[in-house]
Amino acid sequence: MSTSDAILTAARAHFDNMRGQELEIPEWGQEGKPLVAFYDPPTLRKRQEINARCGKSESRQMALTCILCLKDKDGKPLLTDDAETLATLEGASDPKVVSRIAMDVLGLTPAAKLGN
């Protein structure tokens, strides 16, 4: 096995171990139980798709990340990829919640946690 093949095998194995991460969303749950969502960290291809669809809109990027990445325990999308869902997440949902979810999925650290 070449060095390149070994690196690619390790990269695939590392990513496979990251799949199926769990995220609790208390604000979107029912009867005092948080919604439990699952996601795979978005690949560069998935991030490119999100960025192409959001243009320069950060709010749209956050909403699309939720729409395109959140899944149920069986791997099925939690949210429908349609105009109504996008409009709801962008204009009729708590932006702190949508942003927090997207930041977790994207593996980003909020500026407030970066320190000085």
Protein backbone atom coordinates (compact mmCIF):
# COMPACT_ATOMS: atom_id res chain seq x y z
CA MET A 1 0.00 0.00 0.00
CA SER A 2 1.41 3.39 -0.98
CA THR A 3 1.69 6.26 1.48
CA SER A 4 -1.09 8.05 -0.39
CA ASP A 5 -3.39 5.02 -0.15
CA ALA A 6 -2.66 4.71 3.58
CA ILE A 7 -3.45 8.38 4.17
CA LEU A 8 -6.71 8.15 2.23
CA THR A 9 -7.71 5.00 4.12
CA ALA A 10 -7.02 6.75 7.42
CA ALA A 11 -8.94 9.85 6.30
CA ARG A 12 -11.99 7.75 5.36
CA ALA A 13 -11.85 5.81 8.64
CA HIS A 14 -11.57 9.03 10.64
CA PHE A 15 -14.59 10.54 8.88
CA ASP A 16 -16.62 7.33 9.27
CA ASN A 17 -16.02 7.53 13.04
CA MET A 18 -17.42 11.06 13.08
CA ARG A 19 -20.74 10.12 11.44
CA GLY A 20 -23.99 9.97 13.39
CA GLN A 21 -23.28 12.69 15.92
CA GLU A 22 -26.14 13.46 18.26
CA LEU A 23 -27.48 16.93 19.03
CA GLU A 24 -30.19 17.80 21.55
CA ILE A 25 -32.41 20.76 20.68
CA PRO A 26 -34.55 21.52 23.76
CA GLU A 27 -36.40 24.39 22.10
CA TRP A 28 -37.77 22.16 19.34
CA GLY A 29 -38.79 19.21 21.50
CA GLN A 30 -42.20 18.15 22.75
CA GLU A 31 -43.60 17.49 26.22
CA GLY A 32 -40.47 18.56 28.05
CA LYS A 33 -38.21 16.31 26.00
CA PRO A 34 -35.61 17.84 23.69
CA LEU A 35 -35.62 17.00 20.02
CA VAL A 36 -32.73 14.65 19.38
CA ALA A 37 -31.23 15.21 15.95
CA PHE A 38 -28.35 13.45 14.28
CA TYR A 39 -25.87 14.63 11.69
CA ASP A 40 -22.73 13.75 9.87
CA PRO A 41 -20.19 16.55 9.77
CA PRO A 42 -20.65 18.17 6.36
CA THR A 43 -18.04 17.23 3.80
CA LEU A 44 -16.36 19.88 1.68
CA ARG A 45 -18.83 18.97 -1.09
CA LYS A 46 -21.81 19.50 1.24
CA ARG A 47 -20.36 22.82 2.45
CA GLN A 48 -19.90 23.88 -1.16
CA GLU A 49 -23.55 23.06 -1.86
CA ILE A 50 -24.66 25.11 1.15
CA ASN A 51 -22.43 28.04 0.20
CA ALA A 52 -23.60 27.99 -3.42
CA ARG A 53 -27.23 28.12 -2.32
CA CYS A 54 -26.81 30.78 0.37
CA GLY A 55 -24.82 33.36 -1.58
CA LYS A 56 -23.45 35.86 0.92
CA SER A 57 -26.31 35.44 3.40
CA GLU A 58 -25.09 34.13 6.73
CA SER A 59 -28.66 33.55 7.94
CA ARG A 60 -29.42 31.47 4.86
CA GLN A 61 -26.21 29.48 5.43
CA MET A 62 -27.34 28.68 8.98
CA ALA A 63 -30.85 27.71 7.85
CA LEU A 64 -29.58 25.56 4.96
CA THR A 65 -27.13 23.80 7.26
CA CYS A 66 -30.06 22.77 9.46
CA ILE A 67 -32.18 21.72 6.49
CA LEU A 68 -29.49 19.75 4.67
CA CYS A 69 -27.68 18.17 7.61
CA LEU A 70 -30.12 17.29 10.40
CA LYS A 71 -31.40 13.72 10.33
CA ASP A 72 -33.46 11.38 12.46
CA LYS A 73 -31.99 8.24 14.08
CA ASP A 74 -32.62 6.30 10.85
CA GLY A 75 -30.71 8.82 8.74
CA LYS A 76 -33.75 10.44 7.14
CA PRO A 77 -33.85 14.25 6.83
CA LEU A 78 -35.63 15.95 9.73
CA LEU A 79 -36.55 18.99 7.67
CA THR A 80 -38.00 19.31 4.20
CA ASP A 81 -35.80 21.12 1.70
CA ASP A 82 -38.40 23.57 0.43
CA ALA A 83 -39.18 27.29 0.41
CA GLU A 84 -41.54 27.10 3.41
CA THR A 85 -38.95 25.45 5.64
CA LEU A 86 -36.27 27.92 4.57
CA ALA A 87 -38.61 30.87 5.17
CA THR A 88 -39.56 29.55 8.61
CA LEU A 89 -35.97 29.04 9.72
CA GLU A 90 -34.90 32.42 8.35
CA GLY A 91 -37.84 34.52 9.45
CA ALA A 92 -40.05 32.78 11.99
CA SER A 93 -37.62 30.89 14.24
CA ASP A 94 -35.33 31.97 17.05
CA PRO A 95 -32.11 32.94 15.25
CA LYS A 96 -30.03 32.00 18.30
CA VAL A 97 -31.31 28.43 18.13
CA VAL A 98 -30.85 28.08 14.36
CA SER A 99 -27.36 29.58 14.60
CA ARG A 100 -26.37 27.38 17.54
CA ILE A 101 -27.46 24.24 15.70
CA ALA A 102 -25.65 25.23 12.51
CA MET A 103 -22.49 26.17 14.40
CA ASP A 104 -22.48 22.78 16.12
CA VAL A 105 -23.02 20.94 12.83
CA LEU A 106 -20.33 22.96 11.07
CA GLY A 107 -17.93 22.53 13.98
CA LEU A 108 -17.49 26.27 14.43
CA THR A 109 -16.81 28.09 17.68
CA PRO A 110 -18.98 31.13 18.42
CA ALA A 111 -16.96 34.35 18.59
CA ALA A 112 -18.00 34.80 22.24
CA LYS A 113 -16.04 31.65 23.15
CA LEU A 114 -12.86 32.66 21.35
CA GLY A 115 -11.64 35.00 24.09
CA ASN A 116 -9.38 37.96 23.49
